[in-house]
Amino acid sequence: FNGPQHDGPTEWFSERTAQAQIDRDRMKQEISKRLDIALVTLRPEDLTFKRIKEVLGRFLPLRPVSATEPIIAFLERKSREYREAIGRALRRRRRVKDATPVHAKAS
């Protein structure tokens, strides 16, 4: 699973930390490709039962699972809460970035 820090700095991850994560991701992709291993990367928008089943169903044999099972309902709720929190954090980051004076952006 890749959260926003896999794309760049966030309010929780500095530029240095995010860049280190991006470098590790790139290394993981290269190793997976070289060893012919399917690397499945999920993003916050993928955190739904339907989407995860679509993505992983191509790689794993899955037992029949119903979206109405209590554990699935719990995971759907937690995933929705996470996606909403990430959305709020990204909107805050955009507002801060947009509010930064032009001369400060060039530094």
C-alpha atoms as a PDB file:
ATOM      1  CA  PHE A   1       0.000   0.000   0.000  1.00  0.00           C
ATOM      2  CA  ASN A   2       1.325   3.417  -0.935  1.00  0.00           C
ATOM      3  CA  GLY A   3       0.113   6.467   0.933  1.00  0.00           C
ATOM      4  CA  PRO A   4       0.838  10.071  -0.096  1.00  0.00           C
ATOM      5  CA  GLN A   5       4.427   9.960   1.208  1.00  0.00           C
ATOM      6  CA  HIS A   6       5.234   7.700  -1.740  1.00  0.00           C
ATOM      7  CA  ASP A   7       4.687  10.732  -4.019  1.00  0.00           C
ATOM      8  CA  GLY A   8       6.450  13.419  -2.013  1.00  0.00           C
ATOM      9  CA  PRO A   9       6.559  15.209   1.337  1.00  0.00           C
ATOM     10  CA  THR A  10       3.446  15.457   3.480  1.00  0.00           C
ATOM     11  CA  GLU A  11       2.679  17.125   6.769  1.00  0.00           C
ATOM     12  CA  TRP A  12       3.927  13.922   8.454  1.00  0.00           C
ATOM     13  CA  PHE A  13       6.877  13.070   6.165  1.00  0.00           C
ATOM     14  CA  SER A  14       9.702  15.481   5.338  1.00  0.00           C
ATOM     15  CA  GLU A  15      11.179  15.922   1.866  1.00  0.00           C
ATOM     16  CA  ARG A  16      14.142  13.758   2.880  1.00  0.00           C
ATOM     17  CA  THR A  17      11.974  10.970   4.320  1.00  0.00           C
ATOM     18  CA  ALA A  18       9.603  10.999   1.344  1.00  0.00           C
ATOM     19  CA  GLN A  19      12.493  10.912  -1.145  1.00  0.00           C
ATOM     20  CA  ALA A  20      14.010   7.942   0.684  1.00  0.00           C
ATOM     21  CA  GLN A  21      10.636   6.180   0.394  1.00  0.00           C
ATOM     22  CA  ILE A  22      10.400   6.977  -3.312  1.00  0.00           C
ATOM     23  CA  ASP A  23      13.924   5.601  -3.812  1.00  0.00           C
ATOM     24  CA  ARG A  24      12.988   2.382  -1.968  1.00  0.00           C
ATOM     25  CA  ASP A  25       9.845   2.073  -4.076  1.00  0.00           C
ATOM     26  CA  ARG A  26      11.873   2.414  -7.264  1.00  0.00           C
ATOM     27  CA  MET A  27      14.334  -0.218  -6.043  1.00  0.00           C
ATOM     28  CA  LYS A  28      11.460  -2.566  -5.154  1.00  0.00           C
ATOM     29  CA  GLN A  29       9.970  -2.090  -8.644  1.00  0.00           C
ATOM     30  CA  GLU A  30      13.306  -2.832 -10.326  1.00  0.00           C
ATOM     31  CA  ILE A  31      13.946  -5.953  -8.240  1.00  0.00           C
ATOM     32  CA  SER A  32      10.405  -7.224  -8.806  1.00  0.00           C
ATOM     33  CA  LYS A  33      10.723  -6.720 -12.544  1.00  0.00           C
ATOM     34  CA  ARG A  34      14.141  -8.389 -12.694  1.00  0.00           C
ATOM     35  CA  LEU A  35      12.875 -11.409 -10.730  1.00  0.00           C
ATOM     36  CA  ASP A  36       9.596 -11.526 -12.648  1.00  0.00           C
ATOM     37  CA  ILE A  37       7.542 -10.985  -9.497  1.00  0.00           C
ATOM     38  CA  ALA A  38       4.188  -9.256  -9.766  1.00  0.00           C
ATOM     39  CA  LEU A  39       4.312  -6.146  -7.603  1.00  0.00           C
ATOM     40  CA  VAL A  40       0.846  -4.937  -6.696  1.00  0.00           C
ATOM     41  CA  THR A  41       0.667  -1.368  -5.484  1.00  0.00           C
ATOM     42  CA  LEU A  42      -2.525  -0.106  -3.930  1.00  0.00           C
ATOM     43  CA  ARG A  43      -3.307   3.577  -3.432  1.00  0.00           C
ATOM     44  CA  PRO A  44      -5.806   5.171  -1.023  1.00  0.00           C
ATOM     45  CA  GLU A  45      -8.456   5.259  -3.767  1.00  0.00           C
ATOM     46  CA  ASP A  46      -8.047   1.479  -4.168  1.00  0.00           C
ATOM     47  CA  LEU A  47      -9.057   0.762  -0.576  1.00  0.00           C
ATOM     48  CA  THR A  48     -12.471  -0.683  -1.239  1.00  0.00           C
ATOM     49  CA  PHE A  49     -13.538  -4.300  -1.128  1.00  0.00           C
ATOM     50  CA  LYS A  50     -14.533  -4.239  -4.782  1.00  0.00           C
ATOM     51  CA  ARG A  51     -11.272  -2.699  -5.993  1.00  0.00           C
ATOM     52  CA  ILE A  52      -8.976  -4.883  -3.869  1.00  0.00           C
ATOM     53  CA  LYS A  53     -10.828  -7.970  -5.036  1.00  0.00           C
ATOM     54  CA  GLU A  54     -10.412  -6.813  -8.669  1.00  0.00           C
ATOM     55  CA  VAL A  55      -6.686  -6.193  -8.286  1.00  0.00           C
ATOM     56  CA  LEU A  56      -5.707  -9.180  -6.170  1.00  0.00           C
ATOM     57  CA  GLY A  57      -8.127 -11.587  -7.816  1.00  0.00           C
ATOM     58  CA  ARG A  58      -5.836 -11.656 -10.835  1.00  0.00           C
ATOM     59  CA  PHE A  59      -2.969 -12.930  -8.693  1.00  0.00           C
ATOM     60  CA  LEU A  60      -4.454 -14.988  -5.869  1.00  0.00           C
ATOM     61  CA  PRO A  61      -6.982 -17.738  -5.611  1.00  0.00           C
ATOM     62  CA  LEU A  62      -9.723 -16.259  -3.454  1.00  0.00           C
ATOM     63  CA  ARG A  63     -12.399 -18.056  -1.525  1.00  0.00           C
ATOM     64  CA  PRO A  64     -15.882 -16.711  -2.113  1.00  0.00           C
ATOM     65  CA  VAL A  65     -16.215 -13.589   0.023  1.00  0.00           C
ATOM     66  CA  SER A  66     -19.335 -11.541   0.525  1.00  0.00           C
ATOM     67  CA  ALA A  67     -19.222  -7.773   0.962  1.00  0.00           C
ATOM     68  CA  THR A  68     -21.761  -8.247   3.777  1.00  0.00           C
ATOM     69  CA  GLU A  69     -19.391 -10.223   6.026  1.00  0.00           C
ATOM     70  CA  PRO A  70     -18.757  -8.301   9.278  1.00  0.00           C
ATOM     71  CA  ILE A  71     -14.979  -8.129   8.742  1.00  0.00           C
ATOM     72  CA  ILE A  72     -15.472  -6.726   5.242  1.00  0.00           C
ATOM     73  CA  ALA A  73     -17.918  -4.108   6.546  1.00  0.00           C
ATOM     74  CA  PHE A  74     -15.383  -3.139   9.227  1.00  0.00           C
ATOM     75  CA  LEU A  75     -12.537  -2.898   6.701  1.00  0.00           C
ATOM     76  CA  GLU A  76     -14.699  -0.852   4.316  1.00  0.00           C
ATOM     77  CA  ARG A  77     -15.524   1.602   7.131  1.00  0.00           C
ATOM     78  CA  LYS A  78     -11.878   1.936   8.199  1.00  0.00           C
ATOM     79  CA  SER A  79     -10.735   2.323   4.592  1.00  0.00           C
ATOM     80  CA  ARG A  80     -13.324   5.052   3.978  1.00  0.00           C
ATOM     81  CA  GLU A  81     -12.162   6.888   7.127  1.00  0.00           C
ATOM     82  CA  TYR A  82      -8.555   6.652   5.921  1.00  0.00           C
ATOM     83  CA  ARG A  83      -9.394   7.902   2.415  1.00  0.00           C
ATOM     84  CA  GLU A  84     -11.306  10.840   3.907  1.00  0.00           C
ATOM     85  CA  ALA A  85      -8.390  11.714   6.220  1.00  0.00           C
ATOM     86  CA  ILE A  86      -5.917  11.536   3.328  1.00  0.00           C
ATOM     87  CA  GLY A  87      -8.213  13.742   1.239  1.00  0.00           C
ATOM     88  CA  ARG A  88      -8.338  16.353   4.018  1.00  0.00           C
ATOM     89  CA  ALA A  89      -4.539  16.267   4.416  1.00  0.00           C
ATOM     90  CA  LEU A  90      -3.975  16.684   0.677  1.00  0.00           C
ATOM     91  CA  ARG A  91      -6.422  19.611   0.535  1.00  0.00           C
ATOM     92  CA  ARG A  92      -4.590  21.276   3.461  1.00  0.00           C
ATOM     93  CA  ARG A  93      -1.269  20.757   1.679  1.00  0.00           C
ATOM     94  CA  ARG A  94      -2.654  22.365  -1.500  1.00  0.00           C
ATOM     95  CA  ARG A  95      -4.014  25.339   0.475  1.00  0.00           C
ATOM     96  CA  VAL A  96      -0.641  25.869   2.166  1.00  0.00           C
ATOM     97  CA  LYS A  97       1.191  25.508  -1.146  1.00  0.00           C
ATOM     98  CA  ASP A  98      -1.216  27.915  -2.890  1.00  0.00           C
ATOM     99  CA  ALA A  99      -0.876  30.439  -0.040  1.00  0.00           C
ATOM    100  CA  THR A 100       2.945  30.433  -0.168  1.00  0.00           C
ATOM    101  CA  PRO A 101       4.225  33.752  -1.594  1.00  0.00           C
ATOM    102  CA  VAL A 102       5.837  33.495  -5.028  1.00  0.00           C
ATOM    103  CA  HIS A 103       9.251  34.660  -3.767  1.00  0.00           C
ATOM    104  CA  ALA A 104       9.202  31.940  -1.077  1.00  0.00           C
ATOM    105  CA  LYS A 105       8.419  29.233  -3.671  1.00  0.00           C
ATOM    106  CA  ALA A 106      11.534  30.089  -5.690  1.00  0.00           C
ATOM    107  CA  SER A 107      13.867  29.543  -2.727  1.00  0.00           C
END
